[in-house]
Amino acid sequence: MKRDLYDKIADYIVENQNQFYRLAFSYVQNQEDALDAVQNSVCRALEHCGQIRNEEAVKTWFYRILVNESLKILKERKKIAGNSGEMEDLPYEEKGFEIQDDLYSHINRLDAVTQEIIKLRFFEELSLKEIAQITELNLNTVKAKLYRGLKLLKVEIQEVEI
């Protein structure tokens, strides 16, 4: 049984590796760090596949791992930047994964949870229920943060256009 779950997770990872890279890249905005986040997530998922409670929730379980790994890399990067006093200013531009800079910069001004919800909803096209499971938030909280964040984005973008 555990071997079947391991194989199911491995197949899921192989089928969706581009989506995972794109999500990690949207967080870390650096090719090497995004690849590291995906690799660490794959290792962690395969090591801990026996701990998954619901075999049907592989998708949300893996997304949670990937988001946590991406945030962990960002935290480590900030720690290193704080020690050395410098940090790379220009993110790596990955062909095929470009996001309109203005929109992306507006999204990055939102609080971290709202950013995560918007990225998962619109960049990864996950359902609100899946996002609630990944973020471990109540479904209504996810909805409220999503719509509040979209409203803030709309206001901010309209101000820039004026």
Protein backbone atom coordinates (compact mmCIF):
# COMPACT_ATOMS: atom_id res chain seq x y z
CA MET A 1 0.00 0.00 0.00
CA LYS A 2 2.77 2.45 0.89
CA ARG A 3 4.52 1.64 -2.38
CA ASP A 4 1.33 2.50 -4.29
CA LEU A 5 1.10 5.86 -2.52
CA TYR A 6 4.79 6.53 -3.18
CA ASP A 7 4.28 5.77 -6.87
CA LYS A 8 1.14 7.93 -6.98
CA ILE A 9 3.02 10.88 -5.47
CA ALA A 10 6.00 10.37 -7.78
CA ASP A 11 3.72 10.25 -10.83
CA TYR A 12 1.89 13.40 -9.69
CA ILE A 13 5.19 15.23 -9.24
CA VAL A 14 6.49 14.25 -12.67
CA GLU A 15 3.23 15.24 -14.38
CA ASN A 16 3.12 18.68 -12.75
CA GLN A 17 6.76 19.66 -12.42
CA ASN A 18 6.40 22.76 -14.60
CA GLN A 19 3.53 24.07 -12.45
CA PHE A 20 5.60 23.52 -9.32
CA TYR A 21 8.55 25.38 -10.79
CA ARG A 22 6.31 28.26 -11.86
CA LEU A 23 4.82 28.56 -8.36
CA ALA A 24 8.23 28.44 -6.67
CA PHE A 25 9.57 31.00 -9.15
CA SER A 26 6.65 33.32 -8.37
CA TYR A 27 7.78 33.31 -4.74
CA VAL A 28 11.55 33.41 -4.95
CA GLN A 29 11.93 35.16 -8.35
CA ASN A 30 15.21 33.38 -9.01
CA GLN A 31 15.83 30.33 -11.20
CA GLU A 32 18.26 28.55 -8.90
CA ASP A 33 16.20 29.14 -5.77
CA ALA A 34 13.02 27.99 -7.53
CA LEU A 35 14.74 24.79 -8.63
CA ASP A 36 16.03 24.29 -5.08
CA ALA A 37 12.55 24.79 -3.65
CA VAL A 38 11.05 22.23 -6.02
CA GLN A 39 13.85 19.75 -5.38
CA ASN A 40 13.60 20.12 -1.60
CA SER A 41 9.82 19.75 -1.81
CA VAL A 42 10.07 16.59 -3.87
CA CYS A 43 12.57 15.08 -1.44
CA ARG A 44 10.48 16.02 1.56
CA ALA A 45 7.27 14.70 -0.01
CA LEU A 46 8.81 11.37 -0.95
CA GLU A 47 10.46 10.99 2.48
CA HIS A 48 7.22 11.71 4.32
CA CYS A 49 4.69 10.12 1.98
CA GLY A 50 3.67 7.68 4.71
CA GLN A 51 2.44 10.56 6.85
CA ILE A 52 -0.24 11.74 4.43
CA ARG A 53 -3.65 11.20 6.01
CA ASN A 54 -5.83 11.43 2.92
CA GLU A 55 -4.50 9.93 -0.30
CA GLU A 56 -6.92 12.09 -2.29
CA ALA A 57 -5.30 15.25 -0.94
CA VAL A 58 -1.89 14.70 -2.55
CA LYS A 59 -2.25 17.88 -4.60
CA THR A 60 -2.93 20.23 -1.70
CA TRP A 61 -0.45 18.39 0.52
CA PHE A 62 2.36 18.85 -2.01
CA TYR A 63 1.47 22.50 -2.71
CA ARG A 64 1.68 23.17 1.04
CA ILE A 65 5.14 21.62 1.13
CA LEU A 66 6.25 23.65 -1.91
CA VAL A 67 4.95 26.94 -0.51
CA ASN A 68 6.68 26.27 2.81
CA GLU A 69 9.97 25.44 1.06
CA SER A 70 9.73 28.61 -1.04
CA LEU A 71 9.08 30.74 2.04
CA LYS A 72 11.95 29.01 3.84
CA ILE A 73 14.33 29.95 1.00
CA LEU A 74 13.11 33.56 1.12
CA LYS A 75 13.70 33.65 4.87
CA GLU A 76 17.22 32.25 4.44
CA ARG A 77 17.92 34.77 1.69
CA LYS A 78 16.86 37.64 3.96
CA LYS A 79 19.06 36.30 6.74
CA ILE A 80 22.07 36.12 4.40
CA ALA A 81 21.31 39.57 2.98
CA GLY A 82 21.07 40.98 6.48
CA ASN A 83 24.50 39.59 7.34
CA SER A 84 26.28 40.66 4.17
CA GLY A 85 24.45 43.95 3.77
CA GLU A 86 23.66 43.36 0.11
CA MET A 87 21.11 41.48 -1.90
CA GLU A 88 20.64 41.05 -5.59
CA ASP A 89 18.39 43.80 -6.87
CA LEU A 90 17.30 42.35 -10.20
CA PRO A 91 15.38 39.07 -10.26
CA TYR A 92 16.26 36.52 -12.90
CA GLU A 93 13.95 36.69 -15.91
CA GLU A 94 12.80 33.20 -16.85
CA LYS A 95 11.53 32.84 -20.40
CA GLY A 96 8.00 31.49 -20.54
CA PHE A 97 7.24 32.50 -16.97
CA GLU A 98 7.10 36.26 -17.35
CA ILE A 99 4.51 38.08 -15.35
CA GLN A 100 3.64 41.67 -16.05
CA ASP A 101 6.03 43.58 -13.83
CA ASP A 102 3.54 46.23 -12.75
CA LEU A 103 0.91 43.72 -11.71
CA TYR A 104 3.44 41.53 -9.98
CA SER A 105 4.93 44.44 -8.06
CA HIS A 106 1.42 45.44 -6.94
CA ILE A 107 0.72 41.89 -5.76
CA ASN A 108 4.00 41.84 -3.83
CA ARG A 109 2.89 44.92 -1.87
CA LEU A 110 0.01 42.97 -0.33
CA ASP A 111 0.39 41.04 2.92
CA ALA A 112 2.00 37.59 2.60
CA VAL A 113 -1.17 35.53 3.07
CA THR A 114 -3.11 37.54 0.50
CA GLN A 115 -0.20 37.25 -1.95
CA GLU A 116 -0.19 33.49 -1.47
CA ILE A 117 -3.94 33.23 -2.03
CA ILE A 118 -3.86 35.36 -5.19
CA LYS A 119 -0.89 33.46 -6.62
CA LEU A 120 -2.48 30.09 -5.95
CA ARG A 121 -5.84 31.18 -7.34
CA PHE A 122 -4.79 32.96 -10.51
CA PHE A 123 -1.32 31.65 -11.34
CA GLU A 124 -1.95 28.03 -10.35
CA GLU A 125 -5.72 28.07 -10.99
CA LEU A 126 -6.54 26.22 -7.77
CA SER A 127 -10.03 26.21 -6.35
CA LEU A 128 -10.81 28.20 -3.23
CA LYS A 129 -11.36 24.95 -1.33
CA GLU A 130 -7.89 23.70 -2.33
CA ILE A 131 -6.36 27.04 -1.34
CA ALA A 132 -8.07 26.80 2.06
CA GLN A 133 -6.53 23.37 2.57
CA ILE A 134 -3.07 24.50 1.46
CA THR A 135 -3.05 27.65 3.59
CA GLU A 136 -4.83 25.89 6.47
CA LEU A 137 -7.35 28.72 6.63
CA ASN A 138 -11.13 28.68 6.77
CA LEU A 139 -12.76 28.79 3.33
CA ASN A 140 -14.58 32.03 4.17
CA THR A 141 -11.32 33.61 5.34
CA VAL A 142 -9.70 32.68 2.02
CA LYS A 143 -12.62 34.22 0.12
CA ALA A 144 -12.51 37.40 2.18
CA LYS A 145 -8.74 37.82 1.82
CA LEU A 146 -8.93 37.10 -1.92
CA TYR A 147 -11.67 39.63 -2.63
CA ARG A 148 -10.17 42.24 -0.30
CA GLY A 149 -6.79 41.80 -1.99
CA LEU A 150 -8.33 42.06 -5.47
CA LYS A 151 -10.15 45.22 -4.42
CA LEU A 152 -6.89 46.74 -3.15
CA LEU A 153 -5.14 45.78 -6.39
CA LYS A 154 -7.90 47.38 -8.44
CA VAL A 155 -7.70 50.63 -6.48
CA GLU A 156 -3.90 50.71 -6.65
CA ILE A 157 -3.78 49.98 -10.37
CA GLN A 158 -6.42 52.63 -11.10
CA GLU A 159 -4.40 55.20 -9.14
CA VAL A 160 -1.33 54.44 -11.23
CA GLU A 161 -3.29 54.86 -14.48
CA ILE A 162 -4.53 58.31 -13.52
